[in-house]
Amino acid sequence: MKSLAGIFQHEYRMMIGRLGPWVAYAVIFLFNGLTVIRVGDPSSSPFAGSGPWPAAGEILYVLNLFAPLIAGIASADRLIRDDRLGVRELQRSAPPSFGLRLAGKYAGVLAASLTPVLLFVLGTASWAVASGIQPAAFFPAVLAGFAAITLPAFAFVVAFSLACPLLIPVRIYQVLLTGYWFWGNYLNPDAFPTLNGTLLTPAGIFALHGFFKGRVGPGPDTVHTAGEACVNILILAAAIFAVLALATLLMSRREREA
């Protein structure tokens, strides 16, 4: 456990200290903030007329349009950089197994990727409560939305962003990830073949409808239930476990052959 905690802390510090992701997050936070926070007239905010749970779910779902993509692009080089920096041999001689190193790296990168989003949504919640457009219950609603909508999306994207560059070049993966994120989450399935609307959709539309009764997304005929939201999260968790397990097997084999 001490080794796992040390790896987590190192990866968290490395990821949280990168300037690029903070700049990218700042841009999307600016646009989302200008939409949600109406300075001088809080009552004109689009969330002023919503209850705390739908409002929290919608804020977090809208953030998922770009925020997980930023996390995925930024974390795509976090695993293969060990080879580029020439520290792989040193890691092989250390006691922790590759599986343990990958678990610590994944947890650290994921936590660092989530930190800016958590700070932004807590700041937004503080403004909404202080302005009187939402009750104090908005805080637990935002935290629940963060757990049900934001966390699964980021966990899914970061897992694939660590594993896939083991097989394909980082730049190609980043381009493919960008195309996949919008194709698989936001295209209308009635107009174009897409994974959007299936239980493999990671952007949080199932949780938004099932847990928060949000209004964003497909129309009333395609509103998802709480049961579907639970199954969706379980499927995403299984995919995360599978891709990390495959990455562990692949790197363990490479280390044995080296």
C-alpha atoms as a PDB file:
ATOM      1  CA  MET A   1       0.000   0.000   0.000  1.00  0.00           C
ATOM      2  CA  LYS A   2       2.892   2.367   0.718  1.00  0.00           C
ATOM      3  CA  SER A   3       4.244   1.810  -2.803  1.00  0.00           C
ATOM      4  CA  LEU A   4       0.816   2.402  -4.305  1.00  0.00           C
ATOM      5  CA  ALA A   5       0.402   5.633  -2.339  1.00  0.00           C
ATOM      6  CA  GLY A   6       3.847   6.829  -3.411  1.00  0.00           C
ATOM      7  CA  ILE A   7       3.142   6.164  -7.088  1.00  0.00           C
ATOM      8  CA  PHE A   8      -0.225   7.903  -6.768  1.00  0.00           C
ATOM      9  CA  GLN A   9       1.312  11.008  -5.199  1.00  0.00           C
ATOM     10  CA  HIS A  10       4.073  11.195  -7.804  1.00  0.00           C
ATOM     11  CA  GLU A  11       1.676  10.858 -10.744  1.00  0.00           C
ATOM     12  CA  TYR A  12      -0.773  13.318  -9.228  1.00  0.00           C
ATOM     13  CA  ARG A  13       1.926  15.957  -8.789  1.00  0.00           C
ATOM     14  CA  MET A  14       3.242  15.392 -12.302  1.00  0.00           C
ATOM     15  CA  MET A  15      -0.203  15.678 -13.897  1.00  0.00           C
ATOM     16  CA  ILE A  16      -1.580  18.530 -11.810  1.00  0.00           C
ATOM     17  CA  GLY A  17       1.519  20.617 -12.530  1.00  0.00           C
ATOM     18  CA  ARG A  18       1.094  20.566 -16.318  1.00  0.00           C
ATOM     19  CA  LEU A  19       0.129  23.982 -17.676  1.00  0.00           C
ATOM     20  CA  GLY A  20      -1.567  22.824 -20.891  1.00  0.00           C
ATOM     21  CA  PRO A  21      -4.547  21.037 -19.315  1.00  0.00           C
ATOM     22  CA  TRP A  22      -5.169  23.957 -16.941  1.00  0.00           C
ATOM     23  CA  VAL A  23      -5.300  26.382 -19.873  1.00  0.00           C
ATOM     24  CA  ALA A  24      -7.685  24.115 -21.790  1.00  0.00           C
ATOM     25  CA  TYR A  25      -9.905  23.659 -18.744  1.00  0.00           C
ATOM     26  CA  ALA A  26      -9.889  27.423 -18.149  1.00  0.00           C
ATOM     27  CA  VAL A  27     -11.263  28.030 -21.644  1.00  0.00           C
ATOM     28  CA  ILE A  28     -14.208  25.660 -21.269  1.00  0.00           C
ATOM     29  CA  PHE A  29     -14.851  26.849 -17.709  1.00  0.00           C
ATOM     30  CA  LEU A  30     -14.979  30.427 -18.995  1.00  0.00           C
ATOM     31  CA  PHE A  31     -17.623  29.627 -21.607  1.00  0.00           C
ATOM     32  CA  ASN A  32     -19.637  27.443 -19.235  1.00  0.00           C
ATOM     33  CA  GLY A  33     -19.342  30.032 -16.488  1.00  0.00           C
ATOM     34  CA  LEU A  34     -20.588  32.827 -18.731  1.00  0.00           C
ATOM     35  CA  THR A  35     -23.577  30.649 -19.606  1.00  0.00           C
ATOM     36  CA  VAL A  36     -24.454  29.611 -16.067  1.00  0.00           C
ATOM     37  CA  ILE A  37     -23.347  32.650 -14.059  1.00  0.00           C
ATOM     38  CA  ARG A  38     -25.170  35.792 -15.147  1.00  0.00           C
ATOM     39  CA  VAL A  39     -23.339  38.600 -13.354  1.00  0.00           C
ATOM     40  CA  GLY A  40     -25.709  41.358 -12.266  1.00  0.00           C
ATOM     41  CA  ASP A  41     -28.863  39.333 -12.917  1.00  0.00           C
ATOM     42  CA  PRO A  42     -28.575  35.848 -11.372  1.00  0.00           C
ATOM     43  CA  SER A  43     -32.261  35.197 -11.978  1.00  0.00           C
ATOM     44  CA  SER A  44     -31.567  35.045 -15.736  1.00  0.00           C
ATOM     45  CA  SER A  45     -29.295  32.016 -15.331  1.00  0.00           C
ATOM     46  CA  PRO A  46     -30.650  29.019 -17.265  1.00  0.00           C
ATOM     47  CA  PHE A  47     -30.552  27.025 -14.024  1.00  0.00           C
ATOM     48  CA  ALA A  48     -32.498  29.539 -11.940  1.00  0.00           C
ATOM     49  CA  GLY A  49     -35.814  27.831 -12.647  1.00  0.00           C
ATOM     50  CA  SER A  50     -34.600  24.263 -12.143  1.00  0.00           C
ATOM     51  CA  GLY A  51     -34.576  22.209  -8.982  1.00  0.00           C
ATOM     52  CA  PRO A  52     -31.185  21.455  -7.414  1.00  0.00           C
ATOM     53  CA  TRP A  53     -30.888  17.929  -8.823  1.00  0.00           C
ATOM     54  CA  PRO A  54     -31.770  18.649 -12.485  1.00  0.00           C
ATOM     55  CA  ALA A  55     -29.605  21.783 -12.404  1.00  0.00           C
ATOM     56  CA  ALA A  56     -26.609  19.922 -10.951  1.00  0.00           C
ATOM     57  CA  GLY A  57     -26.945  17.097 -13.451  1.00  0.00           C
ATOM     58  CA  GLU A  58     -27.200  19.447 -16.413  1.00  0.00           C
ATOM     59  CA  ILE A  59     -24.166  21.509 -15.395  1.00  0.00           C
ATOM     60  CA  LEU A  60     -22.019  18.397 -15.112  1.00  0.00           C
ATOM     61  CA  TYR A  61     -23.369  16.801 -18.281  1.00  0.00           C
ATOM     62  CA  VAL A  62     -22.635  19.962 -20.292  1.00  0.00           C
ATOM     63  CA  LEU A  63     -19.090  20.015 -18.893  1.00  0.00           C
ATOM     64  CA  ASN A  64     -18.628  16.473 -20.189  1.00  0.00           C
ATOM     65  CA  LEU A  65     -18.839  17.786 -23.737  1.00  0.00           C
ATOM     66  CA  PHE A  66     -15.146  18.775 -23.608  1.00  0.00           C
ATOM     67  CA  ALA A  67     -13.643  18.171 -20.152  1.00  0.00           C
ATOM     68  CA  PRO A  68     -13.111  14.371 -20.408  1.00  0.00           C
ATOM     69  CA  LEU A  69     -11.630  14.866 -23.858  1.00  0.00           C
ATOM     70  CA  ILE A  70      -9.061  17.283 -22.427  1.00  0.00           C
ATOM     71  CA  ALA A  71      -8.215  14.726 -19.736  1.00  0.00           C
ATOM     72  CA  GLY A  72      -7.825  11.964 -22.319  1.00  0.00           C
ATOM     73  CA  ILE A  73      -5.566  13.968 -24.605  1.00  0.00           C
ATOM     74  CA  ALA A  74      -3.422  15.175 -21.701  1.00  0.00           C
ATOM     75  CA  SER A  75      -3.003  11.707 -20.162  1.00  0.00           C
ATOM     76  CA  ALA A  76      -2.240   9.838 -23.395  1.00  0.00           C
ATOM     77  CA  ASP A  77       1.532  10.043 -22.890  1.00  0.00           C
ATOM     78  CA  ARG A  78       1.638   9.311 -19.167  1.00  0.00           C
ATOM     79  CA  LEU A  79       2.435   5.608 -19.525  1.00  0.00           C
ATOM     80  CA  ILE A  80       4.664   5.503 -22.568  1.00  0.00           C
ATOM     81  CA  ARG A  81       6.749   8.440 -21.360  1.00  0.00           C
ATOM     82  CA  ASP A  82       8.573   6.027 -19.034  1.00  0.00           C
ATOM     83  CA  ASP A  83      10.134   4.402 -22.108  1.00  0.00           C
ATOM     84  CA  ARG A  84      10.889   7.780 -23.661  1.00  0.00           C
ATOM     85  CA  LEU A  85      12.613   8.994 -20.501  1.00  0.00           C
ATOM     86  CA  GLY A  86      14.580   5.761 -20.130  1.00  0.00           C
ATOM     87  CA  VAL A  87      13.302   4.854 -16.660  1.00  0.00           C
ATOM     88  CA  ARG A  88      11.677   1.543 -17.601  1.00  0.00           C
ATOM     89  CA  GLU A  89      14.762  -0.482 -16.649  1.00  0.00           C
ATOM     90  CA  LEU A  90      14.847   1.208 -13.242  1.00  0.00           C
ATOM     91  CA  GLN A  91      11.173   0.390 -12.731  1.00  0.00           C
ATOM     92  CA  ARG A  92      11.739  -3.262 -13.608  1.00  0.00           C
ATOM     93  CA  SER A  93      14.308  -3.529 -10.827  1.00  0.00           C
ATOM     94  CA  ALA A  94      11.944  -2.016  -8.240  1.00  0.00           C
ATOM     95  CA  PRO A  95       9.726  -4.278  -6.083  1.00  0.00           C
ATOM     96  CA  PRO A  96       6.249  -3.081  -7.241  1.00  0.00           C
ATOM     97  CA  SER A  97       4.779  -5.151 -10.061  1.00  0.00           C
ATOM     98  CA  PHE A  98       3.657  -3.494 -13.254  1.00  0.00           C
ATOM     99  CA  GLY A  99       0.024  -4.023 -12.224  1.00  0.00           C
ATOM    100  CA  LEU A 100       0.612  -2.072  -9.025  1.00  0.00           C
ATOM    101  CA  ARG A 101       2.490   0.668 -10.880  1.00  0.00           C
ATOM    102  CA  LEU A 102      -0.322   0.956 -13.412  1.00  0.00           C
ATOM    103  CA  ALA A 103      -2.959   1.138 -10.666  1.00  0.00           C
ATOM    104  CA  GLY A 104      -1.088   3.956  -8.915  1.00  0.00           C
ATOM    105  CA  LYS A 105      -0.453   5.785 -12.180  1.00  0.00           C
ATOM    106  CA  TYR A 106      -4.094   5.468 -13.246  1.00  0.00           C
ATOM    107  CA  ALA A 107      -5.436   6.683  -9.897  1.00  0.00           C
ATOM    108  CA  GLY A 108      -3.014   9.619  -9.776  1.00  0.00           C
ATOM    109  CA  VAL A 109      -3.694  10.759 -13.346  1.00  0.00           C
ATOM    110  CA  LEU A 110      -7.451  10.369 -12.882  1.00  0.00           C
ATOM    111  CA  ALA A 111      -7.489  12.324  -9.617  1.00  0.00           C
ATOM    112  CA  ALA A 112      -5.405  15.137 -11.111  1.00  0.00           C
ATOM    113  CA  SER A 113      -7.659  15.301 -14.178  1.00  0.00           C
ATOM    114  CA  LEU A 114     -10.764  15.562 -11.990  1.00  0.00           C
ATOM    115  CA  THR A 115      -9.408  18.219  -9.636  1.00  0.00           C
ATOM    116  CA  PRO A 116      -9.996  21.299 -11.867  1.00  0.00           C
ATOM    117  CA  VAL A 117     -13.543  20.163 -12.668  1.00  0.00           C
ATOM    118  CA  LEU A 118     -14.356  19.606  -9.000  1.00  0.00           C
ATOM    119  CA  LEU A 119     -13.045  23.069  -8.118  1.00  0.00           C
ATOM    120  CA  PHE A 120     -15.129  24.649 -10.878  1.00  0.00           C
ATOM    121  CA  VAL A 121     -18.402  22.918  -9.989  1.00  0.00           C
ATOM    122  CA  LEU A 122     -17.969  23.664  -6.286  1.00  0.00           C
ATOM    123  CA  GLY A 123     -17.327  27.304  -7.173  1.00  0.00           C
ATOM    124  CA  THR A 124     -20.435  27.330  -9.370  1.00  0.00           C
ATOM    125  CA  ALA A 125     -22.480  25.748  -6.591  1.00  0.00           C
ATOM    126  CA  SER A 126     -21.227  28.342  -4.112  1.00  0.00           C
ATOM    127  CA  TRP A 127     -22.254  31.146  -6.475  1.00  0.00           C
ATOM    128  CA  ALA A 128     -25.695  29.604  -7.087  1.00  0.00           C
ATOM    129  CA  VAL A 129     -26.424  29.207  -3.379  1.00  0.00           C
ATOM    130  CA  ALA A 130     -25.016  32.630  -2.451  1.00  0.00           C
ATOM    131  CA  SER A 131     -27.089  34.254  -5.221  1.00  0.00           C
ATOM    132  CA  GLY A 132     -30.230  32.586  -3.941  1.00  0.00           C
ATOM    133  CA  ILE A 133     -31.104  30.822  -7.201  1.00  0.00           C
ATOM    134  CA  GLN A 134     -30.493  27.403  -5.622  1.00  0.00           C
ATOM    135  CA  PRO A 135     -30.979  26.115  -2.065  1.00  0.00           C
ATOM    136  CA  ALA A 136     -28.216  24.643   0.083  1.00  0.00           C
ATOM    137  CA  ALA A 137     -29.284  21.199  -1.185  1.00  0.00           C
ATOM    138  CA  PHE A 138     -27.538  22.130  -4.415  1.00  0.00           C
ATOM    139  CA  PHE A 139     -24.176  21.182  -2.870  1.00  0.00           C
ATOM    140  CA  PRO A 140     -24.972  17.482  -2.257  1.00  0.00           C
ATOM    141  CA  ALA A 141     -26.680  17.371  -5.666  1.00  0.00           C
ATOM    142  CA  VAL A 142     -23.499  18.665  -7.340  1.00  0.00           C
ATOM    143  CA  LEU A 143     -21.340  16.137  -5.489  1.00  0.00           C
ATOM    144  CA  ALA A 144     -23.706  13.321  -6.457  1.00  0.00           C
ATOM    145  CA  GLY A 145     -23.614  14.502 -10.065  1.00  0.00           C
ATOM    146  CA  PHE A 146     -19.846  14.610  -9.960  1.00  0.00           C
ATOM    147  CA  ALA A 147     -19.800  10.963  -8.808  1.00  0.00           C
ATOM    148  CA  ALA A 148     -22.441   9.697 -11.238  1.00  0.00           C
ATOM    149  CA  ILE A 149     -21.791  11.791 -14.372  1.00  0.00           C
ATOM    150  CA  THR A 150     -18.268  13.220 -14.263  1.00  0.00           C
ATOM    151  CA  LEU A 151     -16.295  10.412 -12.602  1.00  0.00           C
ATOM    152  CA  PRO A 152     -17.402   7.539 -14.909  1.00  0.00           C
ATOM    153  CA  ALA A 153     -16.697   9.590 -18.045  1.00  0.00           C
ATOM    154  CA  PHE A 154     -13.219  10.606 -16.881  1.00  0.00           C
ATOM    155  CA  ALA A 155     -12.402   7.121 -15.565  1.00  0.00           C
ATOM    156  CA  PHE A 156     -13.360   5.581 -18.915  1.00  0.00           C
ATOM    157  CA  VAL A 157     -11.391   8.037 -21.030  1.00  0.00           C
ATOM    158  CA  VAL A 158      -8.251   8.038 -18.855  1.00  0.00           C
ATOM    159  CA  ALA A 159      -8.110   4.220 -18.790  1.00  0.00           C
ATOM    160  CA  PHE A 160      -8.139   4.022 -22.580  1.00  0.00           C
ATOM    161  CA  SER A 161      -5.727   6.953 -22.858  1.00  0.00           C
ATOM    162  CA  LEU A 162      -3.157   5.104 -20.766  1.00  0.00           C
ATOM    163  CA  ALA A 163      -3.601   1.766 -22.546  1.00  0.00           C
ATOM    164  CA  CYS A 164      -4.174   2.519 -26.229  1.00  0.00           C
ATOM    165  CA  PRO A 165      -0.891   4.406 -26.864  1.00  0.00           C
ATOM    166  CA  LEU A 166       0.873   1.143 -26.037  1.00  0.00           C
ATOM    167  CA  LEU A 167      -0.344  -0.062 -29.434  1.00  0.00           C
ATOM    168  CA  ILE A 168      -0.703   3.064 -31.570  1.00  0.00           C
ATOM    169  CA  PRO A 169       1.217   6.374 -31.707  1.00  0.00           C
ATOM    170  CA  VAL A 170       0.074   8.991 -29.211  1.00  0.00           C
ATOM    171  CA  ARG A 171      -0.811  11.644 -31.803  1.00  0.00           C
ATOM    172  CA  ILE A 172      -2.905   9.227 -33.822  1.00  0.00           C
ATOM    173  CA  TYR A 173      -4.680   8.095 -30.657  1.00  0.00           C
ATOM    174  CA  GLN A 174      -5.449  11.688 -29.654  1.00  0.00           C
ATOM    175  CA  VAL A 175      -7.018  12.378 -33.057  1.00  0.00           C
ATOM    176  CA  LEU A 176      -9.039   9.152 -32.905  1.00  0.00           C
ATOM    177  CA  LEU A 177     -10.165   9.918 -29.346  1.00  0.00           C
ATOM    178  CA  THR A 178     -11.431  13.338 -30.396  1.00  0.00           C
ATOM    179  CA  GLY A 179     -13.441  11.864 -33.252  1.00  0.00           C
ATOM    180  CA  TYR A 180     -14.771   9.039 -31.098  1.00  0.00           C
ATOM    181  CA  TRP A 181     -15.864  11.331 -28.256  1.00  0.00           C
ATOM    182  CA  PHE A 182     -18.220  13.373 -30.398  1.00  0.00           C
ATOM    183  CA  TRP A 183     -19.275  10.479 -32.647  1.00  0.00           C
ATOM    184  CA  GLY A 184     -19.988   8.101 -29.777  1.00  0.00           C
ATOM    185  CA  ASN A 185     -21.701  10.547 -27.435  1.00  0.00           C
ATOM    186  CA  TYR A 186     -23.362  13.431 -29.236  1.00  0.00           C
ATOM    187  CA  LEU A 187     -24.421  12.464 -32.769  1.00  0.00           C
ATOM    188  CA  ASN A 188     -28.110  11.733 -33.284  1.00  0.00           C
ATOM    189  CA  PRO A 189     -28.432   7.945 -33.649  1.00  0.00           C
ATOM    190  CA  ASP A 190     -31.522   8.422 -35.825  1.00  0.00           C
ATOM    191  CA  ALA A 191     -29.496  10.380 -38.369  1.00  0.00           C
ATOM    192  CA  PHE A 192     -26.089   8.661 -38.215  1.00  0.00           C
ATOM    193  CA  PRO A 193     -24.751   5.264 -37.052  1.00  0.00           C
ATOM    194  CA  THR A 194     -23.273   5.889 -33.604  1.00  0.00           C
ATOM    195  CA  LEU A 195     -22.854   4.361 -30.147  1.00  0.00           C
ATOM    196  CA  ASN A 196     -24.759   7.306 -28.691  1.00  0.00           C
ATOM    197  CA  GLY A 197     -27.869   6.069 -26.915  1.00  0.00           C
ATOM    198  CA  THR A 198     -26.435   2.611 -26.232  1.00  0.00           C
ATOM    199  CA  LEU A 199     -25.272   1.395 -22.831  1.00  0.00           C
ATOM    200  CA  LEU A 200     -21.692   2.027 -23.987  1.00  0.00           C
ATOM    201  CA  THR A 201     -22.242   5.793 -23.945  1.00  0.00           C
ATOM    202  CA  PRO A 202     -19.846   7.269 -21.341  1.00  0.00           C
ATOM    203  CA  ALA A 203     -20.803  10.976 -21.430  1.00  0.00           C
ATOM    204  CA  GLY A 204     -23.409  10.655 -18.658  1.00  0.00           C
ATOM    205  CA  ILE A 205     -26.740  10.956 -20.460  1.00  0.00           C
ATOM    206  CA  PHE A 206     -28.073   7.827 -18.711  1.00  0.00           C
ATOM    207  CA  ALA A 207     -27.222   9.161 -15.247  1.00  0.00           C
ATOM    208  CA  LEU A 208     -28.560  12.621 -16.146  1.00  0.00           C
ATOM    209  CA  HIS A 209     -31.966  11.222 -17.067  1.00  0.00           C
ATOM    210  CA  GLY A 210     -32.168   8.343 -14.608  1.00  0.00           C
ATOM    211  CA  PHE A 211     -30.836   9.987 -11.447  1.00  0.00           C
ATOM    212  CA  PHE A 212     -31.290  13.728 -11.980  1.00  0.00           C
ATOM    213  CA  LYS A 213     -34.301  14.050 -14.308  1.00  0.00           C
ATOM    214  CA  GLY A 214     -32.327  16.468 -16.466  1.00  0.00           C
ATOM    215  CA  ARG A 215     -33.811  18.048 -19.570  1.00  0.00           C
ATOM    216  CA  VAL A 216     -30.671  18.068 -21.716  1.00  0.00           C
ATOM    217  CA  GLY A 217     -30.281  15.370 -24.357  1.00  0.00           C
ATOM    218  CA  PRO A 218     -32.760  13.249 -26.337  1.00  0.00           C
ATOM    219  CA  GLY A 219     -36.476  13.946 -26.243  1.00  0.00           C
ATOM    220  CA  PRO A 220     -39.099  12.358 -23.984  1.00  0.00           C
ATOM    221  CA  ASP A 221     -39.294   9.181 -26.073  1.00  0.00           C
ATOM    222  CA  THR A 222     -35.677   8.313 -25.293  1.00  0.00           C
ATOM    223  CA  VAL A 223     -35.428   9.340 -21.644  1.00  0.00           C
ATOM    224  CA  HIS A 224     -33.435   6.753 -19.702  1.00  0.00           C
ATOM    225  CA  THR A 225     -34.357   5.171 -16.379  1.00  0.00           C
ATOM    226  CA  ALA A 226     -32.381   4.847 -13.152  1.00  0.00           C
ATOM    227  CA  GLY A 227     -31.984   1.126 -13.824  1.00  0.00           C
ATOM    228  CA  GLU A 228     -30.467   1.813 -17.223  1.00  0.00           C
ATOM    229  CA  ALA A 229     -28.140   4.364 -15.622  1.00  0.00           C
ATOM    230  CA  CYS A 230     -26.892   1.748 -13.134  1.00  0.00           C
ATOM    231  CA  VAL A 231     -26.287  -0.781 -15.924  1.00  0.00           C
ATOM    232  CA  ASN A 232     -24.501   1.868 -17.980  1.00  0.00           C
ATOM    233  CA  ILE A 233     -22.114   2.665 -15.118  1.00  0.00           C
ATOM    234  CA  LEU A 234     -21.462  -1.046 -14.477  1.00  0.00           C
ATOM    235  CA  ILE A 235     -20.653  -1.625 -18.158  1.00  0.00           C
ATOM    236  CA  LEU A 236     -18.268   1.318 -18.177  1.00  0.00           C
ATOM    237  CA  ALA A 237     -16.591  -0.032 -15.017  1.00  0.00           C
ATOM    238  CA  ALA A 238     -16.188  -3.444 -16.663  1.00  0.00           C
ATOM    239  CA  ALA A 239     -14.648  -1.826 -19.756  1.00  0.00           C
ATOM    240  CA  ILE A 240     -12.221   0.138 -17.578  1.00  0.00           C
ATOM    241  CA  PHE A 241     -11.153  -2.992 -15.705  1.00  0.00           C
ATOM    242  CA  ALA A 242     -10.763  -4.939 -18.944  1.00  0.00           C
ATOM    243  CA  VAL A 243      -8.597  -2.351 -20.709  1.00  0.00           C
ATOM    244  CA  LEU A 244      -6.339  -1.880 -17.687  1.00  0.00           C
ATOM    245  CA  ALA A 245      -6.017  -5.645 -17.272  1.00  0.00           C
ATOM    246  CA  LEU A 246      -5.051  -6.017 -20.936  1.00  0.00           C
ATOM    247  CA  ALA A 247      -2.508  -3.203 -20.575  1.00  0.00           C
ATOM    248  CA  THR A 248      -1.020  -4.996 -17.558  1.00  0.00           C
ATOM    249  CA  LEU A 249      -0.731  -8.269 -19.474  1.00  0.00           C
ATOM    250  CA  LEU A 250       0.807  -6.546 -22.486  1.00  0.00           C
ATOM    251  CA  MET A 251       3.420  -4.653 -20.503  1.00  0.00           C
ATOM    252  CA  SER A 252       4.210  -7.649 -18.310  1.00  0.00           C
ATOM    253  CA  ARG A 253       4.895  -9.702 -21.439  1.00  0.00           C
ATOM    254  CA  ARG A 254       7.103  -6.956 -22.867  1.00  0.00           C
ATOM    255  CA  GLU A 255       9.056  -6.769 -19.616  1.00  0.00           C
ATOM    256  CA  ARG A 256       9.613 -10.543 -19.619  1.00  0.00           C
ATOM    257  CA  GLU A 257      10.806 -10.454 -23.229  1.00  0.00           C
ATOM    258  CA  ALA A 258      13.095  -7.447 -22.663  1.00  0.00           C
END
